[in-house]
Amino acid sequence: MILVGDIGGTHSRIALFSEEGGGLRLFCENIYFSRDHRSLEEIIDIFLGKESGNIQSACFGIAGPVLHGRVAASNLAWVVDAEELSRRTGVEAVWLVNDLEAHASGIDDLGADDLVSLNSASQPGEGNAALIAAGTGLGEAGMYWDGKRRRVFAGEGGHADFAPRTDLEIALHQYLMRKFGHVSCERVLSGPGLQNIYDFIRDSRTEEEPPWLKEEMSRSGEPVALIGKYGLEGKAAICERALDTLAGIYGAEAGNLALKLLATGGVFISGGIAAKILPKLRSSIFLEAFTAKGRMKGLLEAIPVKVIINDKVGLIGAARYAVTRRAENESPVAAK
């Protein structure tokens, strides 16, 4: 048995997998609201109860930079330590990885039905690849080609500077700079980022906020979900403009990542937002922004872009990471 987790700012998914004939079989899974709990250890205690004796290894993908087996979660007041998790669970081999590193590790275990292509570029058999995921925050990871297979590495590109491209985005950047000081990509490309874009469009009077929408937003416990819903439905121009702006920024940042990694092997998009706004990502807004890189436009047009619609990819990847590391006899921090 392999204990795994996909830990985000909103949800923490915990599961048990078994390895069978080289494949992975999901045994059981639960989802918890992260902020309802004081720590990851508390969630694991609830999930496992008193049974952990048959677990051979564990791996947790967590949103944040993992250094020496320890991570301060980016969007949670949690510090997670592999050695402490090992002591708490009695599992000797415990790995902590960045959540996008886990997602990327699961890509090769996905089936054709788990991916939606956004362009007609064919998938080459080799080459670097990239992964970008907007949700509560913005994550990015890379996969470099070593001559035989792709090897995953983590990044924190979501916290790099937002690069505005249009007059509207320049004004948005200035608006957010006055509010936050540093404006990262995550400030505009995430769930909270969609709220920031909406607030800017409203406050700048780029689009008017209808009275009925203002009232509904004030009563809603999930205003970002309303912005996305009405933006897709075209029910409110302000929501549609906000969602179009986010889709363009998503495409532009995905293209930036593809160039930085020379991701000729493909760009993959995961995270909680992509599947929900898939019609926008399949529109010209995303792909035009993705390829609008001057002399590099032809290169980007040849890169396959795929959305991962299997929301268990982080769990699958965490399990695959543990299996691979055990096969390579790599000791986790907790076992040292």
Protein backbone atom coordinates (compact mmCIF):
# COMPACT_ATOMS: atom_id res chain seq x y z
CA MET A 1 0.00 0.00 0.00
CA ILE A 2 1.08 3.55 -0.78
CA LEU A 3 -0.36 6.48 1.18
CA VAL A 4 -0.59 9.61 -0.96
CA GLY A 5 -1.93 13.14 -0.79
CA ASP A 6 -2.60 16.04 -3.16
CA ILE A 7 -2.58 19.04 -0.82
CA GLY A 8 -3.89 22.41 -2.00
CA GLY A 9 -5.03 25.62 -0.42
CA THR A 10 -8.70 24.62 -0.75
CA HIS A 11 -8.82 20.82 -0.74
CA SER A 12 -6.62 18.06 0.60
CA ARG A 13 -7.10 14.74 -1.17
CA ILE A 14 -5.77 11.67 0.65
CA ALA A 15 -5.76 8.17 -0.85
CA LEU A 16 -4.32 4.69 -0.69
CA PHE A 17 -2.97 3.02 -3.83
CA SER A 18 -1.53 -0.39 -4.53
CA GLU A 19 0.88 -1.29 -7.30
CA GLU A 20 -0.21 -4.21 -9.47
CA GLY A 21 1.80 -5.43 -12.45
CA GLY A 22 3.42 -2.04 -12.94
CA GLY A 23 0.08 -0.24 -12.83
CA LEU A 24 -1.57 1.68 -10.01
CA ARG A 25 -4.89 0.76 -8.40
CA LEU A 26 -6.83 3.25 -6.29
CA PHE A 27 -7.93 1.55 -3.08
CA CYS A 28 -9.76 4.41 -1.31
CA GLU A 29 -9.87 8.21 -1.27
CA ASN A 30 -11.27 11.06 0.82
CA ILE A 31 -11.36 14.82 0.27
CA TYR A 32 -11.05 17.34 3.11
CA PHE A 33 -11.37 21.12 3.27
CA SER A 34 -7.81 22.12 4.10
CA ARG A 35 -8.63 25.16 6.21
CA ASP A 36 -10.94 23.13 8.43
CA HIS A 37 -7.87 21.41 9.89
CA ARG A 38 -4.84 22.56 11.83
CA SER A 39 -2.33 20.41 9.98
CA LEU A 40 -1.81 17.69 7.43
CA GLU A 41 -1.06 15.29 10.29
CA GLU A 42 -4.55 15.86 11.66
CA ILE A 43 -6.12 14.97 8.30
CA ILE A 44 -3.99 11.86 7.96
CA ASP A 45 -4.97 10.73 11.46
CA ILE A 46 -8.63 11.05 10.51
CA PHE A 47 -8.11 9.24 7.20
CA LEU A 48 -6.13 6.33 8.61
CA GLY A 49 -7.81 5.94 11.98
CA LYS A 50 -5.70 3.33 13.71
CA GLU A 51 -4.72 1.35 10.61
CA SER A 52 -1.33 2.11 9.01
CA GLY A 53 0.63 -1.12 9.49
CA ASN A 54 0.34 -2.31 5.87
CA ILE A 55 1.54 0.95 4.30
CA GLN A 56 4.99 0.59 2.74
CA SER A 57 5.60 4.16 1.60
CA ALA A 58 3.98 7.58 1.37
CA CYS A 59 4.23 10.63 -0.86
CA PHE A 60 2.47 13.98 -0.54
CA GLY A 61 2.30 16.67 -3.20
CA ILE A 62 2.02 20.04 -1.46
CA ALA A 63 1.63 23.54 -2.92
CA GLY A 64 4.86 25.23 -1.91
CA PRO A 65 8.64 24.93 -2.21
CA VAL A 66 9.88 21.67 -0.68
CA LEU A 67 13.39 21.97 0.77
CA HIS A 68 15.17 19.15 2.61
CA GLY A 69 11.96 17.27 3.30
CA ARG A 70 10.12 20.28 4.70
CA VAL A 71 7.63 22.74 3.24
CA ALA A 72 5.72 25.81 4.38
CA ALA A 73 2.52 25.56 2.34
CA SER A 74 2.02 28.58 0.07
CA ASN A 75 -1.70 29.12 0.74
CA LEU A 76 -2.08 27.46 4.16
CA ALA A 77 -0.72 28.15 7.64
CA TRP A 78 0.90 24.72 7.65
CA VAL A 79 4.48 23.55 7.92
CA VAL A 80 4.87 19.92 6.87
CA ASP A 81 7.94 17.85 7.73
CA ALA A 82 8.65 14.40 6.27
CA GLU A 83 10.37 13.11 9.39
CA GLU A 84 7.44 14.14 11.57
CA LEU A 85 4.99 12.46 9.18
CA SER A 86 7.09 9.30 9.30
CA ARG A 87 7.02 9.27 13.10
CA ARG A 88 3.30 10.06 13.22
CA THR A 89 2.22 7.39 10.73
CA GLY A 90 4.86 4.73 11.37
CA VAL A 91 5.61 4.68 7.63
CA GLU A 92 9.37 4.55 7.16
CA ALA A 93 9.63 5.96 3.63
CA VAL A 94 7.89 9.34 3.29
CA TRP A 95 8.48 11.76 0.42
CA LEU A 96 7.31 15.37 0.19
CA VAL A 97 7.20 16.93 -3.26
CA ASN A 98 5.78 20.08 -4.78
CA ASP A 99 2.17 19.51 -5.88
CA LEU A 100 2.98 20.22 -9.54
CA GLU A 101 5.88 17.79 -9.37
CA ALA A 102 3.34 15.18 -8.28
CA HIS A 103 0.91 16.15 -11.06
CA ALA A 104 3.67 15.90 -13.68
CA SER A 105 4.76 12.51 -12.32
CA GLY A 106 1.28 11.15 -13.06
CA ILE A 107 0.95 12.23 -16.69
CA ASP A 108 2.27 8.99 -18.20
CA ASP A 109 -0.30 7.00 -16.18
CA LEU A 110 -3.19 8.89 -17.76
CA GLY A 111 -5.34 7.56 -20.58
CA ALA A 112 -6.49 9.32 -23.74
CA ASP A 113 -9.84 10.13 -22.11
CA ASP A 114 -8.04 12.06 -19.35
CA LEU A 115 -6.67 14.66 -21.79
CA VAL A 116 -8.31 17.26 -24.02
CA SER A 117 -6.24 18.75 -26.86
CA LEU A 118 -6.49 22.50 -27.40
CA ASN A 119 -4.68 22.53 -30.73
CA SER A 120 -3.96 20.19 -33.63
CA ALA A 121 -0.22 19.79 -33.05
CA SER A 122 0.82 16.15 -32.93
CA GLN A 123 2.50 14.72 -29.84
CA PRO A 124 6.20 13.99 -30.46
CA GLY A 125 7.81 11.02 -28.74
CA GLU A 126 10.52 13.02 -27.02
CA GLY A 127 11.50 16.50 -25.87
CA ASN A 128 11.05 18.63 -22.77
CA ALA A 129 7.52 19.26 -21.53
CA ALA A 130 5.84 21.76 -19.22
CA LEU A 131 2.97 21.73 -16.76
CA ILE A 132 0.99 24.74 -15.54
CA ALA A 133 -1.95 24.67 -13.13
CA ALA A 134 -4.13 27.48 -11.83
CA GLY A 135 -6.33 26.85 -8.79
CA THR A 136 -6.18 28.46 -5.38
CA GLY A 137 -2.67 29.45 -6.50
CA LEU A 138 -0.59 29.04 -9.65
CA GLY A 139 1.85 26.17 -10.01
CA GLU A 140 4.41 25.38 -12.69
CA ALA A 141 6.74 22.44 -13.25
CA GLY A 142 9.01 21.07 -15.95
CA MET A 143 9.90 17.71 -17.44
CA TYR A 144 13.30 17.49 -19.13
CA TRP A 145 14.16 14.85 -21.71
CA ASP A 146 17.25 12.82 -20.67
CA GLY A 147 17.51 10.92 -23.93
CA LYS A 148 15.25 8.07 -22.82
CA ARG A 149 12.42 9.54 -20.75
CA ARG A 150 11.17 12.74 -19.18
CA ARG A 151 12.28 13.54 -15.65
CA VAL A 152 10.17 15.87 -13.52
CA PHE A 153 11.40 18.90 -11.62
CA ALA A 154 9.53 21.46 -9.55
CA GLY A 155 9.40 25.23 -9.94
CA GLU A 156 7.82 28.26 -8.34
CA GLY A 157 7.09 30.19 -11.51
CA GLY A 158 3.67 31.21 -10.26
CA HIS A 159 5.39 33.74 -8.01
CA ALA A 160 7.41 35.30 -10.83
CA ASP A 161 6.40 38.72 -12.13
CA PHE A 162 3.18 39.14 -14.10
CA ALA A 163 4.04 40.49 -17.57
CA PRO A 164 1.11 42.54 -18.94
CA ARG A 165 0.69 42.57 -22.74
CA THR A 166 -2.23 44.90 -23.47
CA ASP A 167 -3.38 48.34 -22.32
CA LEU A 168 -6.02 46.66 -20.16
CA GLU A 169 -3.45 44.35 -18.55
CA ILE A 170 -1.04 47.26 -17.97
CA ALA A 171 -3.81 49.12 -16.13
CA LEU A 172 -4.61 45.91 -14.21
CA HIS A 173 -0.94 45.60 -13.21
CA GLN A 174 -0.86 49.18 -11.95
CA TYR A 175 -4.10 48.61 -10.01
CA LEU A 176 -2.72 45.51 -8.32
CA MET A 177 0.69 47.09 -7.70
CA ARG A 178 -0.99 49.80 -5.64
CA LYS A 179 -2.82 47.09 -3.70
CA PHE A 180 -0.10 44.45 -3.24
CA GLY A 181 3.24 45.99 -4.18
CA HIS A 182 4.69 42.98 -6.01
CA VAL A 183 2.36 41.58 -8.67
CA SER A 184 3.05 37.92 -9.33
CA CYS A 185 1.43 35.76 -12.00
CA GLU A 186 -0.55 34.12 -9.22
CA ARG A 187 -2.22 37.46 -8.40
CA VAL A 188 -4.06 37.30 -11.73
CA LEU A 189 -3.96 33.63 -12.72
CA SER A 190 -5.77 31.74 -9.94
CA GLY A 191 -9.16 31.71 -8.22
CA PRO A 192 -8.29 34.80 -6.16
CA GLY A 193 -6.74 36.20 -9.35
CA LEU A 194 -10.09 36.04 -11.14
CA GLN A 195 -11.57 38.00 -8.24
CA ASN A 196 -8.76 40.58 -8.57
CA ILE A 197 -9.46 40.94 -12.30
CA TYR A 198 -13.18 41.36 -11.65
CA ASP A 199 -12.56 44.01 -8.98
CA PHE A 200 -10.29 45.94 -11.35
CA ILE A 201 -12.82 45.85 -14.21
CA ARG A 202 -15.53 47.05 -11.82
CA ASP A 203 -13.45 49.76 -10.12
CA SER A 204 -11.99 51.05 -13.40
CA ARG A 205 -15.49 51.18 -14.89
CA THR A 206 -14.28 49.10 -17.84
CA GLU A 207 -17.59 47.27 -17.43
CA GLU A 208 -20.44 48.20 -15.13
CA GLU A 209 -21.49 45.85 -12.35
CA PRO A 210 -25.27 45.30 -12.64
CA PRO A 211 -27.18 45.90 -9.38
CA TRP A 212 -28.59 42.35 -9.42
CA LEU A 213 -25.09 40.92 -9.72
CA LYS A 214 -23.72 43.13 -6.97
CA GLU A 215 -26.46 41.89 -4.65
CA GLU A 216 -25.92 38.26 -5.61
CA MET A 217 -22.15 38.58 -5.16
CA SER A 218 -22.60 40.06 -1.68
CA ARG A 219 -24.80 37.14 -0.64
CA SER A 220 -22.69 34.43 -2.22
CA GLY A 221 -20.13 32.47 -0.27
CA GLU A 222 -18.33 31.70 -3.55
CA PRO A 223 -18.18 34.89 -5.64
CA VAL A 224 -15.38 33.52 -7.85
CA ALA A 225 -17.62 30.62 -8.88
CA LEU A 226 -20.33 33.11 -9.88
CA ILE A 227 -17.87 35.13 -11.96
CA GLY A 228 -16.84 31.97 -13.80
CA LYS A 229 -20.41 30.73 -14.25
CA TYR A 230 -21.82 33.97 -15.60
CA GLY A 231 -18.69 34.56 -17.67
CA LEU A 232 -19.17 31.23 -19.46
CA GLU A 233 -22.90 31.81 -19.88
CA GLY A 234 -22.44 35.38 -21.12
CA LYS A 235 -25.03 36.50 -18.60
CA ALA A 236 -23.04 39.52 -17.38
CA ALA A 237 -20.57 41.50 -19.51
CA ILE A 238 -18.34 42.21 -16.51
CA CYS A 239 -17.98 38.50 -15.76
CA GLU A 240 -17.38 37.67 -19.41
CA ARG A 241 -14.66 40.34 -19.65
CA ALA A 242 -13.03 39.08 -16.45
CA LEU A 243 -13.00 35.47 -17.68
CA ASP A 244 -11.72 36.46 -21.13
CA THR A 245 -8.91 38.42 -19.48
CA LEU A 246 -7.95 35.44 -17.33
CA ALA A 247 -8.01 33.09 -20.35
CA GLY A 248 -5.70 35.40 -22.28
CA ILE A 249 -3.29 35.67 -19.35
CA TYR A 250 -3.40 31.87 -18.97
CA GLY A 251 -2.45 31.39 -22.61
CA ALA A 252 0.33 33.98 -22.44
CA GLU A 253 1.90 32.49 -19.30
CA ALA A 254 1.64 28.95 -20.70
CA GLY A 255 3.48 30.20 -23.78
CA ASN A 256 6.13 31.88 -21.62
CA LEU A 257 6.71 28.61 -19.77
CA ALA A 258 6.90 26.68 -23.04
CA LEU A 259 9.62 29.01 -24.32
CA LYS A 260 11.64 28.94 -21.09
CA LEU A 261 11.68 25.13 -21.05
CA LEU A 262 11.70 24.63 -24.85
CA ALA A 263 8.73 22.35 -24.23
CA THR A 264 8.55 20.73 -27.67
CA GLY A 265 7.21 17.60 -25.98
CA GLY A 266 4.03 19.38 -24.97
CA VAL A 267 2.41 21.78 -22.53
CA PHE A 268 -0.01 20.23 -20.06
CA ILE A 269 -2.61 22.20 -18.10
CA SER A 270 -4.03 20.90 -14.83
CA GLY A 271 -5.52 22.46 -11.69
CA GLY A 272 -9.02 23.25 -10.55
CA ILE A 273 -9.73 26.08 -12.99
CA ALA A 274 -8.87 24.55 -16.38
CA ALA A 275 -11.59 21.89 -16.51
CA LYS A 276 -14.20 24.39 -15.30
CA ILE A 277 -13.46 26.97 -18.01
CA LEU A 278 -12.58 24.51 -20.78
CA PRO A 279 -14.78 26.30 -23.38
CA LYS A 280 -12.74 29.47 -22.86
CA LEU A 281 -9.46 27.59 -23.14
CA ARG A 282 -10.67 25.99 -26.38
CA SER A 283 -11.52 29.41 -27.80
CA SER A 284 -9.13 31.56 -29.82
CA ILE A 285 -8.41 33.76 -26.76
CA PHE A 286 -6.12 31.23 -25.10
CA LEU A 287 -4.28 29.92 -28.17
CA GLU A 288 -3.71 33.36 -29.71
CA ALA A 289 -2.09 34.51 -26.47
CA PHE A 290 -0.10 31.25 -26.28
CA THR A 291 1.44 31.68 -29.73
CA ALA A 292 1.81 35.50 -29.76
CA LYS A 293 5.58 35.43 -29.15
CA GLY A 294 6.90 37.27 -32.20
CA ARG A 295 9.57 35.28 -34.04
CA MET A 296 8.82 32.22 -31.91
CA LYS A 297 5.19 31.94 -33.07
CA GLY A 298 5.93 29.03 -35.42
CA LEU A 299 7.69 27.09 -32.66
CA LEU A 300 4.74 27.50 -30.30
CA GLU A 301 2.19 26.54 -32.95
CA ALA A 302 3.96 23.16 -33.22
CA ILE A 303 3.77 22.42 -29.48
CA PRO A 304 0.86 20.18 -28.39
CA VAL A 305 -1.27 21.76 -25.64
CA LYS A 306 -3.44 19.45 -23.56
CA VAL A 307 -5.77 19.96 -20.59
CA ILE A 308 -5.77 17.25 -17.93
CA ILE A 309 -9.39 16.62 -16.92
CA ASN A 310 -8.69 13.77 -14.48
CA ASP A 311 -8.77 15.49 -11.08
CA LYS A 312 -6.93 12.54 -9.50
CA VAL A 313 -3.72 13.22 -11.41
CA GLY A 314 -2.01 14.62 -8.29
CA LEU A 315 -2.78 11.46 -6.33
CA ILE A 316 -1.77 9.21 -9.21
CA GLY A 317 1.46 11.14 -9.62
CA ALA A 318 2.30 11.01 -5.93
CA ALA A 319 1.86 7.22 -6.00
CA ARG A 320 3.98 6.92 -9.15
CA TYR A 321 6.67 9.10 -7.59
CA ALA A 322 6.90 6.80 -4.56
CA VAL A 323 7.00 3.67 -6.72
CA THR A 324 9.72 5.12 -8.96
CA ARG A 325 11.89 6.28 -6.07
CA ARG A 326 11.64 2.94 -4.33
CA ALA A 327 12.60 1.17 -7.57
CA GLU A 328 15.63 3.44 -7.87
CA ASN A 329 16.52 2.80 -4.20
CA GLU A 330 16.40 6.51 -3.45
CA SER A 331 16.01 7.15 0.27
CA PRO A 332 13.55 9.87 1.26
CA VAL A 333 14.56 12.50 3.80
CA ALA A 334 12.47 10.75 6.44
CA ALA A 335 14.45 7.53 6.08
CA LYS A 336 17.86 9.15 6.54
